[in-house]
C-alpha atoms as a PDB file:
ATOM      1  CA  MET A   1     -90.677  35.432  10.931  1.00  0.00           C
ATOM      2  CA  SER A   2     -88.153  37.155  13.188  1.00  0.00           C
ATOM      3  CA  GLY A   3     -87.524  40.842  12.769  1.00  0.00           C
ATOM      4  CA  ALA A   4     -84.425  42.047  10.976  1.00  0.00           C
ATOM      5  CA  ARG A   5     -82.271  44.403  13.061  1.00  0.00           C
ATOM      6  CA  ASP A   6     -79.498  46.769  12.218  1.00  0.00           C
ATOM      7  CA  ALA A   7     -76.362  47.464  14.243  1.00  0.00           C
ATOM      8  CA  THR A   8     -78.266  49.652  16.700  1.00  0.00           C
ATOM      9  CA  GLY A   9     -80.658  46.849  17.558  1.00  0.00           C
ATOM     10  CA  LEU A  10     -83.656  48.712  16.062  1.00  0.00           C
ATOM     11  CA  PRO A  11     -85.889  47.003  13.531  1.00  0.00           C
ATOM     12  CA  ASP A  12     -85.033  47.308   9.873  1.00  0.00           C
ATOM     13  CA  LEU A  13     -88.127  48.976   8.367  1.00  0.00           C
ATOM     14  CA  ASP A  14     -87.140  47.717   4.928  1.00  0.00           C
ATOM     15  CA  GLY A  15     -87.496  44.140   6.098  1.00  0.00           C
ATOM     16  CA  ASP A  16     -90.211  42.105   7.783  1.00  0.00           C
ATOM     17  CA  PHE A  17     -90.697  42.133  11.505  1.00  0.00           C
ATOM     18  CA  THR A  18     -93.135  40.433  13.783  1.00  0.00           C
ATOM     19  CA  TRP A  19     -95.365  42.000  16.387  1.00  0.00           C
ATOM     20  CA  PRO A  20     -95.453  41.198  19.253  1.00  0.00           C
ATOM     21  CA  PRO A  21     -91.698  40.554  19.472  1.00  0.00           C
ATOM     22  CA  GLU A  22     -90.324  37.061  19.939  1.00  0.00           C
ATOM     23  CA  PRO A  23     -89.261  36.166  23.501  1.00  0.00           C
ATOM     24  CA  PRO A  24     -85.752  37.274  24.501  1.00  0.00           C
ATOM     25  CA  THR A  25     -83.106  34.798  23.351  1.00  0.00           C
ATOM     26  CA  ALA A  26     -80.922  35.304  26.411  1.00  0.00           C
ATOM     27  CA  PRO A  27     -81.851  35.525  30.095  1.00  0.00           C
ATOM     28  CA  GLY A  28     -82.302  39.139  31.201  1.00  0.00           C
ATOM     29  CA  ASP A  29     -82.429  40.410  27.584  1.00  0.00           C
ATOM     30  CA  TYR A  30     -85.664  42.413  27.944  1.00  0.00           C
ATOM     31  CA  VAL A  31     -87.237  43.773  24.766  1.00  0.00           C
ATOM     32  CA  SER A  32     -89.920  46.468  25.212  1.00  0.00           C
ATOM     33  CA  PRO A  33     -92.346  47.768  22.546  1.00  0.00           C
ATOM     34  CA  LYS A  34     -90.432  51.045  22.646  1.00  0.00           C
ATOM     35  CA  ASP A  35     -87.316  49.197  21.483  1.00  0.00           C
ATOM     36  CA  LEU A  36     -89.163  48.012  18.380  1.00  0.00           C
ATOM     37  CA  ALA A  37     -90.708  51.369  17.479  1.00  0.00           C
ATOM     38  CA  PRO A  38     -89.208  53.040  14.379  1.00  0.00           C
ATOM     39  CA  ALA A  39     -86.716  55.842  14.924  1.00  0.00           C
ATOM     40  CA  ASP A  40     -89.322  58.312  13.639  1.00  0.00           C
ATOM     41  CA  PRO A  41     -92.539  57.213  15.378  1.00  0.00           C
ATOM     42  CA  PHE A  42     -94.588  59.063  12.763  1.00  0.00           C
ATOM     43  CA  ALA A  43     -92.948  57.483   9.735  1.00  0.00           C
ATOM     44  CA  ALA A  44     -94.902  54.238   9.846  1.00  0.00           C
ATOM     45  CA  PRO A  45     -98.646  53.710   9.864  1.00  0.00           C
ATOM     46  CA  GLY A  46    -100.202  52.941  13.218  1.00  0.00           C
ATOM     47  CA  TYR A  47     -98.158  55.475  15.166  1.00  0.00           C
ATOM     48  CA  GLY A  48     -99.205  58.959  16.260  1.00  0.00           C
ATOM     49  CA  GLY A  49    -102.535  58.091  17.887  1.00  0.00           C
ATOM     50  CA  PRO A  50    -105.772  56.748  16.495  1.00  0.00           C
ATOM     51  CA  ARG A  51    -106.073  59.593  13.974  1.00  0.00           C
ATOM     52  CA  GLY A  52    -102.524  59.357  12.683  1.00  0.00           C
ATOM     53  CA  GLY A  53    -100.005  62.127  13.115  1.00  0.00           C
ATOM     54  CA  SER A  54     -96.917  63.898  11.951  1.00  0.00           C
ATOM     55  CA  PRO A  55     -93.932  65.523  13.675  1.00  0.00           C
ATOM     56  CA  ALA A  56     -95.621  68.913  13.242  1.00  0.00           C
ATOM     57  CA  ASN A  57     -98.976  67.652  14.464  1.00  0.00           C
ATOM     58  CA  PRO A  58     -98.557  64.481  16.580  1.00  0.00           C
ATOM     59  CA  TYR A  59    -102.249  64.357  17.447  1.00  0.00           C
ATOM     60  CA  GLY A  60    -103.485  64.109  13.889  1.00  0.00           C
ATOM     61  CA  PRO A  61    -105.387  66.514  11.663  1.00  0.00           C
ATOM     62  CA  ASN A  62    -107.495  69.200  13.284  1.00  0.00           C
ATOM     63  CA  PRO A  63    -111.126  68.344  12.494  1.00  0.00           C
ATOM     64  CA  TYR A  64    -111.917  72.074  12.475  1.00  0.00           C
ATOM     65  CA  ALA A  65    -109.109  73.079  10.128  1.00  0.00           C
ATOM     66  CA  HIS A  66    -109.943  75.040   6.980  1.00  0.00           C
ATOM     67  CA  GLY A  67    -111.326  72.768   4.294  1.00  0.00           C
ATOM     68  CA  ASN A  68    -112.203  69.938   6.670  1.00  0.00           C
ATOM     69  CA  ARG A  69    -115.719  68.616   6.355  1.00  0.00           C
ATOM     70  CA  HIS A  70    -116.292  69.336  10.051  1.00  0.00           C
ATOM     71  CA  THR A  71    -115.484  73.036   9.653  1.00  0.00           C
ATOM     72  CA  ARG A  72    -118.220  75.416  10.818  1.00  0.00           C
ATOM     73  CA  SER A  73    -118.037  79.032   9.767  1.00  0.00           C
ATOM     74  CA  PRO A  74    -119.694  81.491  12.123  1.00  0.00           C
ATOM     75  CA  ALA A  75    -123.023  82.591  10.741  1.00  0.00           C
ATOM     76  CA  ALA A  76    -123.213  86.212   9.716  1.00  0.00           C
ATOM     77  CA  PRO A  77    -125.740  88.131  11.820  1.00  0.00           C
ATOM     78  CA  ASP A  78    -128.914  89.234  10.074  1.00  0.00           C
ATOM     79  CA  PRO A  79    -129.027  92.943   9.179  1.00  0.00           C
ATOM     80  CA  ARG A  80    -131.040  95.034  11.625  1.00  0.00           C
ATOM     81  CA  ALA A  81    -133.300  97.790  10.316  1.00  0.00           C
ATOM     82  CA  VAL A  82    -135.079 100.616  12.089  1.00  0.00           C
ATOM     83  CA  VAL A  83    -137.656 103.076  10.697  1.00  0.00           C
ATOM     84  CA  LEU A  84    -137.422 106.585  12.169  1.00  0.00           C
ATOM     85  CA  ALA A  85    -138.788 110.046  11.535  1.00  0.00           C
ATOM     86  CA  ALA A  86    -136.089 111.977   9.714  1.00  0.00           C
ATOM     87  CA  ALA A  87    -136.090 114.564  12.527  1.00  0.00           C
ATOM     88  CA  ASP A  88    -135.904 111.950  15.288  1.00  0.00           C
ATOM     89  CA  PRO A  89    -132.913 112.572  17.603  1.00  0.00           C
ATOM     90  CA  ALA A  90    -132.010 108.878  17.133  1.00  0.00           C
ATOM     91  CA  ASN A  91    -131.297 109.652  13.465  1.00  0.00           C
ATOM     92  CA  ALA A  92    -127.760 110.990  13.314  1.00  0.00           C
ATOM     93  CA  TYR A  93    -127.975 111.999   9.646  1.00  0.00           C
ATOM     94  CA  GLY A  94    -128.365 115.739   9.214  1.00  0.00           C
ATOM     95  CA  ALA A  95    -127.079 116.245  12.777  1.00  0.00           C
ATOM     96  CA  ALA A  96    -123.915 114.440  13.881  1.00  0.00           C
ATOM     97  CA  LEU A  97    -123.509 112.968  10.391  1.00  0.00           C
ATOM     98  CA  GLY A  98    -123.868 114.607   7.022  1.00  0.00           C
ATOM     99  CA  TRP A  99    -126.403 113.327   4.541  1.00  0.00           C
ATOM    100  CA  PRO A 100    -124.934 111.183   1.750  1.00  0.00           C
ATOM    101  CA  GLU A 101    -125.058 112.481  -1.778  1.00  0.00           C
ATOM    102  CA  PRO A 102    -128.468 111.813  -3.325  1.00  0.00           C
ATOM    103  CA  PRO A 103    -128.629 108.874  -5.742  1.00  0.00           C
ATOM    104  CA  THR A 104    -128.050 109.664  -9.390  1.00  0.00           C
ATOM    105  CA  GLY A 105    -131.182 111.078 -11.006  1.00  0.00           C
ATOM    106  CA  ALA A 106    -132.983 111.595  -7.697  1.00  0.00           C
ATOM    107  CA  GLY A 107    -133.648 115.285  -8.304  1.00  0.00           C
ATOM    108  CA  HIS A 108    -133.837 116.229  -4.607  1.00  0.00           C
ATOM    109  CA  LYS A 109    -131.873 115.819  -1.399  1.00  0.00           C
ATOM    110  CA  PRO A 110    -132.780 114.215   1.912  1.00  0.00           C
ATOM    111  CA  GLY A 111    -133.294 116.425   4.966  1.00  0.00           C
ATOM    112  CA  ARG A 112    -134.619 116.476   8.504  1.00  0.00           C
ATOM    113  CA  LYS A 113    -138.082 117.476   7.324  1.00  0.00           C
ATOM    114  CA  ALA A 114    -141.332 116.996   9.196  1.00  0.00           C
ATOM    115  CA  GLY A 115    -143.179 113.913   7.949  1.00  0.00           C
ATOM    116  CA  SER A 116    -140.150 112.401   6.218  1.00  0.00           C
ATOM    117  CA  LEU A 117    -138.831 108.980   7.203  1.00  0.00           C
ATOM    118  CA  VAL A 118    -135.483 107.210   7.148  1.00  0.00           C
ATOM    119  CA  VAL A 119    -134.763 103.483   7.215  1.00  0.00           C
ATOM    120  CA  LEU A 120    -131.390 102.682   8.745  1.00  0.00           C
ATOM    121  CA  VAL A 121    -129.870  99.221   8.306  1.00  0.00           C
ATOM    122  CA  ASP A 122    -127.085  98.496  10.775  1.00  0.00           C
ATOM    123  CA  GLY A 123    -126.865 102.258  11.253  1.00  0.00           C
ATOM    124  CA  GLU A 124    -126.441 103.005   7.533  1.00  0.00           C
ATOM    125  CA  LEU A 125    -128.943 105.229   5.720  1.00  0.00           C
ATOM    126  CA  THR A 126    -130.617 102.964   3.175  1.00  0.00           C
ATOM    127  CA  LEU A 127    -134.045 104.501   2.394  1.00  0.00           C
ATOM    128  CA  TYR A 128    -135.426 108.032   2.699  1.00  0.00           C
ATOM    129  CA  MET A 129    -139.145 108.629   2.199  1.00  0.00           C
ATOM    130  CA  GLU A 130    -140.506 112.118   1.608  1.00  0.00           C
ATOM    131  CA  ARG A 131    -143.596 113.299   3.450  1.00  0.00           C
ATOM    132  CA  GLY A 132    -146.633 111.605   1.998  1.00  0.00           C
ATOM    133  CA  GLY A 133    -144.619 108.631   0.758  1.00  0.00           C
ATOM    134  CA  LYS A 134    -144.758 109.485  -2.944  1.00  0.00           C
ATOM    135  CA  THR A 135    -141.003 109.616  -3.463  1.00  0.00           C
ATOM    136  CA  LEU A 136    -138.291 107.331  -2.157  1.00  0.00           C
ATOM    137  CA  LEU A 137    -134.524 107.626  -2.198  1.00  0.00           C
ATOM    138  CA  ALA A 138    -132.502 104.418  -1.983  1.00  0.00           C
ATOM    139  CA  TRP A 139    -128.773 103.874  -1.424  1.00  0.00           C
ATOM    140  CA  PRO A 140    -127.486 100.416  -2.433  1.00  0.00           C
ATOM    141  CA  THR A 141    -124.632  98.770  -0.571  1.00  0.00           C
ATOM    142  CA  THR A 142    -122.346  99.438  -3.560  1.00  0.00           C
ATOM    143  CA  PRO A 143    -123.117 101.261  -6.816  1.00  0.00           C
ATOM    144  CA  ASP A 144    -122.673  98.049  -8.798  1.00  0.00           C
ATOM    145  CA  THR A 145    -124.895  95.879  -6.604  1.00  0.00           C
ATOM    146  CA  ALA A 146    -128.158  94.851  -8.267  1.00  0.00           C
ATOM    147  CA  ALA A 147    -131.148  95.800  -6.131  1.00  0.00           C
ATOM    148  CA  THR A 148    -132.476  92.245  -6.085  1.00  0.00           C
ATOM    149  CA  ASP A 149    -129.112  90.991  -4.757  1.00  0.00           C
ATOM    150  CA  ASP A 150    -128.705  93.737  -2.160  1.00  0.00           C
ATOM    151  CA  THR A 151    -129.400  92.323   1.297  1.00  0.00           C
ATOM    152  CA  ARG A 152    -129.419  95.778   2.874  1.00  0.00           C
ATOM    153  CA  LEU A 153    -132.018  97.138   0.443  1.00  0.00           C
ATOM    154  CA  ARG A 154    -134.181  94.037   0.913  1.00  0.00           C
ATOM    155  CA  THR A 155    -134.041  94.409   4.678  1.00  0.00           C
ATOM    156  CA  ALA A 156    -134.971  98.110   4.432  1.00  0.00           C
ATOM    157  CA  ALA A 157    -137.910  97.382   2.107  1.00  0.00           C
ATOM    158  CA  GLU A 158    -139.227  94.742   4.506  1.00  0.00           C
ATOM    159  CA  ALA A 159    -138.892  97.118   7.479  1.00  0.00           C
ATOM    160  CA  LEU A 160    -140.747  99.875   5.621  1.00  0.00           C
ATOM    161  CA  ALA A 161    -143.548  97.470   4.685  1.00  0.00           C
ATOM    162  CA  ALA A 162    -143.785  96.201   8.274  1.00  0.00           C
ATOM    163  CA  ALA A 163    -144.109  99.771   9.587  1.00  0.00           C
ATOM    164  CA  ALA A 164    -146.902 100.475   7.101  1.00  0.00           C
ATOM    165  CA  ARG A 165    -148.787  97.296   8.010  1.00  0.00           C
ATOM    166  CA  ALA A 166    -148.483  98.194  11.681  1.00  0.00           C
ATOM    167  CA  GLY A 167    -150.391 101.416  10.978  1.00  0.00           C
ATOM    168  CA  THR A 168    -147.431 103.710  11.577  1.00  0.00           C
ATOM    169  CA  LEU A 169    -147.518 105.216   8.080  1.00  0.00           C
ATOM    170  CA  GLY A 170    -151.123 104.879   7.007  1.00  0.00           C
ATOM    171  CA  THR A 171    -151.718 104.161   3.333  1.00  0.00           C
ATOM    172  CA  VAL A 172    -148.563 104.759   1.288  1.00  0.00           C
ATOM    173  CA  THR A 173    -148.267 104.857  -2.493  1.00  0.00           C
ATOM    174  CA  VAL A 174    -144.687 105.123  -3.737  1.00  0.00           C
ATOM    175  CA  GLU A 175    -144.698 106.740  -7.169  1.00  0.00           C
ATOM    176  CA  ARG A 176    -141.032 107.421  -7.792  1.00  0.00           C
ATOM    177  CA  VAL A 177    -137.772 105.815  -6.608  1.00  0.00           C
ATOM    178  CA  ASN A 178    -134.512 107.663  -7.269  1.00  0.00           C
ATOM    179  CA  GLY A 179    -136.275 109.803  -9.846  1.00  0.00           C
ATOM    180  CA  THR A 180    -137.752 106.930 -11.883  1.00  0.00           C
ATOM    181  CA  SER A 181    -141.177 105.310 -11.849  1.00  0.00           C
ATOM    182  CA  ALA A 182    -141.559 102.955  -8.897  1.00  0.00           C
ATOM    183  CA  LEU A 183    -143.286 100.445 -11.183  1.00  0.00           C
ATOM    184  CA  THR A 184    -140.157 100.070 -13.318  1.00  0.00           C
ATOM    185  CA  SER A 185    -137.498 100.789 -10.679  1.00  0.00           C
ATOM    186  CA  PRO A 186    -135.164  97.917  -9.725  1.00  0.00           C
ATOM    187  CA  LEU A 187    -136.183  98.561  -6.111  1.00  0.00           C
ATOM    188  CA  GLY A 188    -139.813  98.007  -7.079  1.00  0.00           C
ATOM    189  CA  THR A 189    -139.252  94.241  -7.171  1.00  0.00           C
ATOM    190  CA  LEU A 190    -138.094  94.285  -3.545  1.00  0.00           C
ATOM    191  CA  LEU A 191    -140.994  96.485  -2.477  1.00  0.00           C
ATOM    192  CA  GLU A 192    -143.501  94.131  -4.093  1.00  0.00           C
ATOM    193  CA  ALA A 193    -141.818  91.137  -2.467  1.00  0.00           C
ATOM    194  CA  ALA A 194    -142.161  92.946   0.876  1.00  0.00           C
ATOM    195  CA  GLY A 195    -145.914  93.442   0.406  1.00  0.00           C
ATOM    196  CA  PHE A 196    -146.420  96.544  -1.751  1.00  0.00           C
ATOM    197  CA  ILE A 197    -149.097  96.177  -4.428  1.00  0.00           C
ATOM    198  CA  ALA A 198    -148.683  97.512  -7.965  1.00  0.00           C
ATOM    199  CA  THR A 199    -151.392 100.035  -8.932  1.00  0.00           C
ATOM    200  CA  PRO A 200    -151.669 102.434 -11.887  1.00  0.00           C
ATOM    201  CA  ARG A 201    -150.294 105.218  -9.666  1.00  0.00           C
ATOM    202  CA  GLY A 202    -147.421 103.286  -8.120  1.00  0.00           C
ATOM    203  CA  LEU A 203    -146.664 100.731  -5.392  1.00  0.00           C
ATOM    204  CA  ARG A 204    -149.179 100.889  -2.573  1.00  0.00           C
ATOM    205  CA  ILE A 205    -149.329  99.419   0.915  1.00  0.00           C
ATOM    206  CA  ARG A 206    -151.814  99.975   3.718  1.00  0.00           C
ATOM    207  CA  ALA A 207    -152.307  98.830   7.294  1.00  0.00           C
END
């Protein structure tokens, strides 16, 4: 069936047209594929490249656009923890930085005391262990974050356990965390998951 044309000689998209075009009806009357393309090359299927297109995006949808199944979000880096002596020059708290307020119910404040330890996660003070390891202060990421859901606390607990197993701390028995019994403290679950063992006195770990 021959293609219907309007006064401009372009195909009538409301009618039927044949592709490829019929041979010219008069000598020298050359018809190119461009002549048969719709006025808006993106208005009909098959135009705009193999992926389809639009006037705003003639090359088709971006496979990495938000919501596309090919989208890849950059992976968040794992938190990095370091265990230091509280008086170590690498620990800025109590020197260049002030100590944070002690957790509610802690009963004592952190300080650059001999034998005390700090665990910094991405530079943030997360755990403070008094000399001897009997008491532990812990700062969650936010006050409302449950300890078991706090990635920073989990990372700090694992770093503390790794230091103890490496022989850096000797045998440690944590009896109190933020002023409460370590055996019932929310942080106790993370310490046990990291390798601390529940005993009648508290949570213990040794090299």
